[in-house]
Amino acid sequence: MDLLNNVTWLGHSSIRIIGVKTLYIDPFRIESGPPADIILITHEHYDHFDPGSISKIRTPETIVIAPLNIIRQLSGATRLIKPGEQIIIDSIIIRAVPSYNIGKRYHPRENQNVGYIIETNQLTYYHAGDTDLIPEIKKIQADVIFLPVGGTFTMDAAEAAQAAQEIRPQVAVPIHWGTVCGTRADAEKFVRLAHCKAVILNKGK
């Protein structure tokens, strides 16, 4: 089974998963794509909450799930989520988990930014959002994980490799590189250091 068969990396931290539903996480600077059934937003920074990209894939039936400071800026079908909460849409289980910085000012814990654990396609996916190597990562269980590796605003490649070692997924994918910060070299370093299968995805559309 190809665990990434239904997954497309759209650049930076943007991921599309197609299965029972078409699901996007943090769509950013995308030109087009299959209409979204569900859009998940991790936090309000422009490279994660991009209303222009959302408008290109959103339909009247699309459900946007996000923290409060984003929901306040949107109309239409939306669902508020906070760390520790769960939403079920048809057969898809979506859980929000903490995502924050330690010793950096960019993503304070009190903002209640989130990462997501998504159960669909008979797999569990974890998108970390913009986070450091926080204690809560030790509790994550997932088959496929998407971890930021760019440093500066998030954990760096070495810390992401430690996170992957804690989670022990079947496959790990580096994100948060190649646009705002982080380089392919960071992604490659993560792949070298990760104690699990790790794959750099080519940017899709």
C-alpha atoms as a PDB file:
ATOM      1  CA  MET A   1       0.000   0.000   0.000  1.00  0.00           C
ATOM      2  CA  ASP A   2       1.357   3.416  -1.012  1.00  0.00           C
ATOM      3  CA  LEU A   3       0.629   5.533   2.052  1.00  0.00           C
ATOM      4  CA  LEU A   4       1.098   8.737   0.078  1.00  0.00           C
ATOM      5  CA  ASN A   5      -0.946   7.739  -2.952  1.00  0.00           C
ATOM      6  CA  ASN A   6      -3.810  10.094  -2.033  1.00  0.00           C
ATOM      7  CA  VAL A   7      -1.563  12.881  -0.703  1.00  0.00           C
ATOM      8  CA  THR A   8      -0.354  15.964  -2.584  1.00  0.00           C
ATOM      9  CA  TRP A   9       2.067  18.541  -1.181  1.00  0.00           C
ATOM     10  CA  LEU A  10       1.049  21.910  -2.619  1.00  0.00           C
ATOM     11  CA  GLY A  11       4.087  23.802  -1.355  1.00  0.00           C
ATOM     12  CA  HIS A  12       5.040  25.227   2.035  1.00  0.00           C
ATOM     13  CA  SER A  13       2.698  23.598   4.597  1.00  0.00           C
ATOM     14  CA  SER A  14      -0.204  22.982   2.249  1.00  0.00           C
ATOM     15  CA  ILE A  15      -1.430  19.397   1.920  1.00  0.00           C
ATOM     16  CA  ARG A  16      -4.325  17.830  -0.001  1.00  0.00           C
ATOM     17  CA  ILE A  17      -5.681  14.402   0.921  1.00  0.00           C
ATOM     18  CA  ILE A  18      -8.231  12.799  -1.384  1.00  0.00           C
ATOM     19  CA  GLY A  19     -10.304   9.853  -0.235  1.00  0.00           C
ATOM     20  CA  VAL A  20     -13.816   9.629   1.110  1.00  0.00           C
ATOM     21  CA  LYS A  21     -13.708  13.434   1.003  1.00  0.00           C
ATOM     22  CA  THR A  22     -11.329  15.939  -0.586  1.00  0.00           C
ATOM     23  CA  LEU A  23      -9.534  17.619   2.276  1.00  0.00           C
ATOM     24  CA  TYR A  24      -7.057  20.516   2.268  1.00  0.00           C
ATOM     25  CA  ILE A  25      -4.830  21.671   5.109  1.00  0.00           C
ATOM     26  CA  ASP A  26      -3.513  25.265   5.083  1.00  0.00           C
ATOM     27  CA  PRO A  27      -3.943  25.931   1.344  1.00  0.00           C
ATOM     28  CA  PHE A  28      -1.464  28.688   0.418  1.00  0.00           C
ATOM     29  CA  ARG A  29      -0.707  30.301  -2.928  1.00  0.00           C
ATOM     30  CA  ILE A  30      -2.529  27.638  -4.873  1.00  0.00           C
ATOM     31  CA  GLU A  31      -3.884  28.383  -8.332  1.00  0.00           C
ATOM     32  CA  SER A  32      -6.639  25.788  -8.535  1.00  0.00           C
ATOM     33  CA  GLY A  33      -7.539  22.255  -7.543  1.00  0.00           C
ATOM     34  CA  PRO A  34     -10.382  19.836  -6.999  1.00  0.00           C
ATOM     35  CA  PRO A  35     -13.191  21.426  -4.960  1.00  0.00           C
ATOM     36  CA  ALA A  36     -12.721  20.947  -1.239  1.00  0.00           C
ATOM     37  CA  ASP A  37     -15.177  19.108   0.956  1.00  0.00           C
ATOM     38  CA  ILE A  38     -13.221  20.096   4.066  1.00  0.00           C
ATOM     39  CA  ILE A  39     -10.574  22.780   4.629  1.00  0.00           C
ATOM     40  CA  LEU A  40      -8.517  22.717   7.827  1.00  0.00           C
ATOM     41  CA  ILE A  41      -6.615  25.817   8.945  1.00  0.00           C
ATOM     42  CA  THR A  42      -4.008  25.569  11.716  1.00  0.00           C
ATOM     43  CA  HIS A  43      -3.606  29.260  12.598  1.00  0.00           C
ATOM     44  CA  GLU A  44      -3.999  32.804  11.333  1.00  0.00           C
ATOM     45  CA  HIS A  45      -0.558  33.598   9.858  1.00  0.00           C
ATOM     46  CA  TYR A  46      -0.793  34.562   6.188  1.00  0.00           C
ATOM     47  CA  ASP A  47       1.150  31.529   4.963  1.00  0.00           C
ATOM     48  CA  HIS A  48      -1.412  29.213   6.558  1.00  0.00           C
ATOM     49  CA  PHE A  49      -4.632  31.219   6.381  1.00  0.00           C
ATOM     50  CA  ASP A  50      -4.807  32.448   2.778  1.00  0.00           C
ATOM     51  CA  PRO A  51      -8.357  33.576   1.925  1.00  0.00           C
ATOM     52  CA  GLY A  52      -7.478  33.879  -1.771  1.00  0.00           C
ATOM     53  CA  SER A  53      -6.471  30.238  -1.979  1.00  0.00           C
ATOM     54  CA  ILE A  54      -9.493  29.173   0.058  1.00  0.00           C
ATOM     55  CA  SER A  55     -11.806  30.959  -2.379  1.00  0.00           C
ATOM     56  CA  LYS A  56     -10.395  28.956  -5.305  1.00  0.00           C
ATOM     57  CA  ILE A  57     -11.349  25.571  -3.823  1.00  0.00           C
ATOM     58  CA  ARG A  58     -14.316  26.418  -1.613  1.00  0.00           C
ATOM     59  CA  THR A  59     -17.902  25.696  -2.624  1.00  0.00           C
ATOM     60  CA  PRO A  60     -21.124  26.483  -0.722  1.00  0.00           C
ATOM     61  CA  GLU A  61     -20.926  22.949   0.697  1.00  0.00           C
ATOM     62  CA  THR A  62     -17.276  23.169   1.820  1.00  0.00           C
ATOM     63  CA  ILE A  63     -16.783  23.065   5.585  1.00  0.00           C
ATOM     64  CA  VAL A  64     -13.896  25.141   6.957  1.00  0.00           C
ATOM     65  CA  ILE A  65     -12.575  23.996  10.338  1.00  0.00           C
ATOM     66  CA  ALA A  66     -10.303  26.405  12.195  1.00  0.00           C
ATOM     67  CA  PRO A  67      -9.501  28.175  15.476  1.00  0.00           C
ATOM     68  CA  LEU A  68     -11.653  31.089  16.620  1.00  0.00           C
ATOM     69  CA  ASN A  69      -9.513  33.948  15.303  1.00  0.00           C
ATOM     70  CA  ILE A  70      -9.962  32.540  11.774  1.00  0.00           C
ATOM     71  CA  ILE A  71     -13.625  31.595  12.076  1.00  0.00           C
ATOM     72  CA  ARG A  72     -14.368  35.217  12.978  1.00  0.00           C
ATOM     73  CA  GLN A  73     -13.084  36.256   9.550  1.00  0.00           C
ATOM     74  CA  LEU A  74     -15.147  33.782   7.523  1.00  0.00           C
ATOM     75  CA  SER A  75     -18.768  33.389   6.565  1.00  0.00           C
ATOM     76  CA  GLY A  76     -20.533  30.289   5.292  1.00  0.00           C
ATOM     77  CA  ALA A  77     -20.111  26.745   6.566  1.00  0.00           C
ATOM     78  CA  THR A  78     -17.517  26.837   9.340  1.00  0.00           C
ATOM     79  CA  ARG A  79     -16.732  24.780  12.429  1.00  0.00           C
ATOM     80  CA  LEU A  80     -14.763  26.105  15.378  1.00  0.00           C
ATOM     81  CA  ILE A  81     -12.151  23.800  16.894  1.00  0.00           C
ATOM     82  CA  LYS A  82      -9.773  24.080  19.839  1.00  0.00           C
ATOM     83  CA  PRO A  83      -6.883  21.886  21.004  1.00  0.00           C
ATOM     84  CA  GLY A  84      -8.292  18.674  22.434  1.00  0.00           C
ATOM     85  CA  GLU A  85     -11.564  18.842  20.499  1.00  0.00           C
ATOM     86  CA  GLN A  86     -12.867  16.427  17.871  1.00  0.00           C
ATOM     87  CA  ILE A  87     -15.174  16.822  14.894  1.00  0.00           C
ATOM     88  CA  ILE A  88     -16.614  13.935  12.868  1.00  0.00           C
ATOM     89  CA  ILE A  89     -17.799  14.563   9.305  1.00  0.00           C
ATOM     90  CA  ASP A  90     -19.313  11.463   7.750  1.00  0.00           C
ATOM     91  CA  SER A  91     -16.633   8.812   8.362  1.00  0.00           C
ATOM     92  CA  ILE A  92     -13.746  11.267   8.825  1.00  0.00           C
ATOM     93  CA  ILE A  93     -12.521  11.907  12.367  1.00  0.00           C
ATOM     94  CA  ILE A  94     -10.661  15.207  12.865  1.00  0.00           C
ATOM     95  CA  ARG A  95      -8.932  15.951  16.158  1.00  0.00           C
ATOM     96  CA  ALA A  96      -7.150  19.171  17.048  1.00  0.00           C
ATOM     97  CA  VAL A  97      -3.912  18.963  19.016  1.00  0.00           C
ATOM     98  CA  PRO A  98      -1.712  21.715  20.488  1.00  0.00           C
ATOM     99  CA  SER A  99       0.740  23.510  18.204  1.00  0.00           C
ATOM    100  CA  TYR A 100       2.987  26.196  19.673  1.00  0.00           C
ATOM    101  CA  ASN A 101       6.513  27.514  20.178  1.00  0.00           C
ATOM    102  CA  ILE A 102       8.811  26.983  23.124  1.00  0.00           C
ATOM    103  CA  GLY A 103      11.106  29.969  23.693  1.00  0.00           C
ATOM    104  CA  LYS A 104       9.898  31.804  20.566  1.00  0.00           C
ATOM    105  CA  ARG A 105       7.292  34.546  20.313  1.00  0.00           C
ATOM    106  CA  TYR A 106       5.742  33.580  16.978  1.00  0.00           C
ATOM    107  CA  HIS A 107       3.176  30.997  18.079  1.00  0.00           C
ATOM    108  CA  PRO A 108       2.383  31.351  21.787  1.00  0.00           C
ATOM    109  CA  ARG A 109       0.499  28.524  23.411  1.00  0.00           C
ATOM    110  CA  GLU A 110      -2.283  30.830  24.590  1.00  0.00           C
ATOM    111  CA  ASN A 111      -3.271  31.526  20.968  1.00  0.00           C
ATOM    112  CA  GLN A 112      -4.686  27.975  20.811  1.00  0.00           C
ATOM    113  CA  ASN A 113      -3.248  27.246  17.385  1.00  0.00           C
ATOM    114  CA  VAL A 114      -3.731  23.656  16.344  1.00  0.00           C
ATOM    115  CA  GLY A 115      -2.286  20.723  14.517  1.00  0.00           C
ATOM    116  CA  TYR A 116      -4.625  18.055  13.187  1.00  0.00           C
ATOM    117  CA  ILE A 117      -4.942  14.300  13.479  1.00  0.00           C
ATOM    118  CA  ILE A 118      -7.183  13.024  10.690  1.00  0.00           C
ATOM    119  CA  GLU A 119      -8.564   9.515  10.390  1.00  0.00           C
ATOM    120  CA  THR A 120      -9.611   8.731   6.823  1.00  0.00           C
ATOM    121  CA  ASN A 121      -8.723   6.273   4.051  1.00  0.00           C
ATOM    122  CA  GLN A 122      -8.150   3.668   6.807  1.00  0.00           C
ATOM    123  CA  LEU A 123      -5.096   5.686   7.838  1.00  0.00           C
ATOM    124  CA  THR A 124      -4.270   8.282  10.468  1.00  0.00           C
ATOM    125  CA  TYR A 125      -2.565  11.493   9.310  1.00  0.00           C
ATOM    126  CA  TYR A 126      -0.906  14.109  11.536  1.00  0.00           C
ATOM    127  CA  HIS A 127      -0.279  17.672  10.330  1.00  0.00           C
ATOM    128  CA  ALA A 128       1.718  19.455  13.002  1.00  0.00           C
ATOM    129  CA  GLY A 129       1.028  23.069  12.025  1.00  0.00           C
ATOM    130  CA  ASP A 130       3.634  25.585  13.141  1.00  0.00           C
ATOM    131  CA  THR A 131       5.098  24.009  16.245  1.00  0.00           C
ATOM    132  CA  ASP A 132       8.278  23.254  18.090  1.00  0.00           C
ATOM    133  CA  LEU A 133       9.161  19.894  19.573  1.00  0.00           C
ATOM    134  CA  ILE A 134       6.536  20.162  22.307  1.00  0.00           C
ATOM    135  CA  PRO A 135       5.836  17.536  24.995  1.00  0.00           C
ATOM    136  CA  GLU A 136       2.409  16.724  23.515  1.00  0.00           C
ATOM    137  CA  ILE A 137       4.066  15.218  20.445  1.00  0.00           C
ATOM    138  CA  LYS A 138       4.967  12.163  22.522  1.00  0.00           C
ATOM    139  CA  LYS A 139       1.250  11.308  22.667  1.00  0.00           C
ATOM    140  CA  ILE A 140       0.696  11.449  18.899  1.00  0.00           C
ATOM    141  CA  GLN A 141      -0.009   8.206  17.051  1.00  0.00           C
ATOM    142  CA  ALA A 142      -0.248   8.367  13.274  1.00  0.00           C
ATOM    143  CA  ASP A 143       0.631   6.423  10.141  1.00  0.00           C
ATOM    144  CA  VAL A 144       1.578   9.456   8.041  1.00  0.00           C
ATOM    145  CA  ILE A 145       2.990  12.655   9.532  1.00  0.00           C
ATOM    146  CA  PHE A 146       3.727  16.107   8.119  1.00  0.00           C
ATOM    147  CA  LEU A 147       6.317  18.006  10.149  1.00  0.00           C
ATOM    148  CA  PRO A 148       7.756  21.523   9.719  1.00  0.00           C
ATOM    149  CA  VAL A 149      11.516  21.519   9.182  1.00  0.00           C
ATOM    150  CA  GLY A 150      12.363  25.128   8.280  1.00  0.00           C
ATOM    151  CA  GLY A 151      13.437  26.394  11.677  1.00  0.00           C
ATOM    152  CA  THR A 152      13.086  30.088  12.661  1.00  0.00           C
ATOM    153  CA  PHE A 153       9.300  29.957  13.217  1.00  0.00           C
ATOM    154  CA  THR A 154       9.061  26.220  13.931  1.00  0.00           C
ATOM    155  CA  MET A 155      11.211  23.256  14.831  1.00  0.00           C
ATOM    156  CA  ASP A 156      14.199  22.673  12.577  1.00  0.00           C
ATOM    157  CA  ALA A 157      15.131  19.522  10.680  1.00  0.00           C
ATOM    158  CA  ALA A 158      16.950  17.912  13.605  1.00  0.00           C
ATOM    159  CA  GLU A 159      14.098  18.603  16.019  1.00  0.00           C
ATOM    160  CA  ALA A 160      11.585  17.323  13.479  1.00  0.00           C
ATOM    161  CA  ALA A 161      13.596  14.111  13.229  1.00  0.00           C
ATOM    162  CA  GLN A 162      13.317  13.773  17.018  1.00  0.00           C
ATOM    163  CA  ALA A 163       9.564  14.306  16.726  1.00  0.00           C
ATOM    164  CA  ALA A 164       9.355  11.567  14.115  1.00  0.00           C
ATOM    165  CA  GLN A 165      11.284   9.262  16.428  1.00  0.00           C
ATOM    166  CA  GLU A 166       8.741   9.943  19.184  1.00  0.00           C
ATOM    167  CA  ILE A 167       5.754   9.264  16.912  1.00  0.00           C
ATOM    168  CA  ARG A 168       7.212   6.352  14.914  1.00  0.00           C
ATOM    169  CA  PRO A 169       4.963   6.697  11.848  1.00  0.00           C
ATOM    170  CA  GLN A 170       5.042   4.518   8.779  1.00  0.00           C
ATOM    171  CA  VAL A 171       6.157   7.525   6.742  1.00  0.00           C
ATOM    172  CA  ALA A 172       7.107  11.150   7.480  1.00  0.00           C
ATOM    173  CA  VAL A 173       6.959  14.120   5.105  1.00  0.00           C
ATOM    174  CA  PRO A 174       8.829  17.414   5.673  1.00  0.00           C
ATOM    175  CA  ILE A 175       6.811  20.617   5.216  1.00  0.00           C
ATOM    176  CA  HIS A 176       7.213  24.352   5.907  1.00  0.00           C
ATOM    177  CA  TRP A 177      10.127  24.764   3.540  1.00  0.00           C
ATOM    178  CA  GLY A 178      10.792  26.219   0.104  1.00  0.00           C
ATOM    179  CA  THR A 179       8.648  29.357   0.304  1.00  0.00           C
ATOM    180  CA  VAL A 180       8.611  31.540   3.414  1.00  0.00           C
ATOM    181  CA  CYS A 181      11.535  29.908   5.165  1.00  0.00           C
ATOM    182  CA  GLY A 182      13.471  26.673   5.034  1.00  0.00           C
ATOM    183  CA  THR A 183      15.146  25.098   2.030  1.00  0.00           C
ATOM    184  CA  ARG A 184      15.289  21.773   0.285  1.00  0.00           C
ATOM    185  CA  ALA A 185      18.526  21.216   2.202  1.00  0.00           C
ATOM    186  CA  ASP A 186      16.481  21.325   5.411  1.00  0.00           C
ATOM    187  CA  ALA A 187      14.089  18.740   4.007  1.00  0.00           C
ATOM    188  CA  GLU A 188      16.997  16.546   2.940  1.00  0.00           C
ATOM    189  CA  LYS A 189      18.586  16.836   6.386  1.00  0.00           C
ATOM    190  CA  PHE A 190      15.327  15.699   7.953  1.00  0.00           C
ATOM    191  CA  VAL A 191      15.207  12.665   5.673  1.00  0.00           C
ATOM    192  CA  ARG A 192      18.784  11.753   6.653  1.00  0.00           C
ATOM    193  CA  LEU A 193      18.152  12.097  10.372  1.00  0.00           C
ATOM    194  CA  ALA A 194      14.686  10.594  10.672  1.00  0.00           C
ATOM    195  CA  HIS A 195      14.570   7.126  12.237  1.00  0.00           C
ATOM    196  CA  CYS A 196      11.692   6.128   9.992  1.00  0.00           C
ATOM    197  CA  LYS A 197      10.822   6.182   6.320  1.00  0.00           C
ATOM    198  CA  ALA A 198      10.849   9.827   5.230  1.00  0.00           C
ATOM    199  CA  VAL A 199       9.903  11.160   1.811  1.00  0.00           C
ATOM    200  CA  ILE A 200      10.292  14.580   0.190  1.00  0.00           C
ATOM    201  CA  LEU A 201       7.255  15.129  -1.996  1.00  0.00           C
ATOM    202  CA  ASN A 202       7.444  17.016  -5.264  1.00  0.00           C
ATOM    203  CA  LYS A 203       5.182  20.035  -5.370  1.00  0.00           C
ATOM    204  CA  GLY A 204       1.876  19.165  -6.976  1.00  0.00           C
ATOM    205  CA  LYS A 205      -1.098  21.124  -8.262  1.00  0.00           C
END
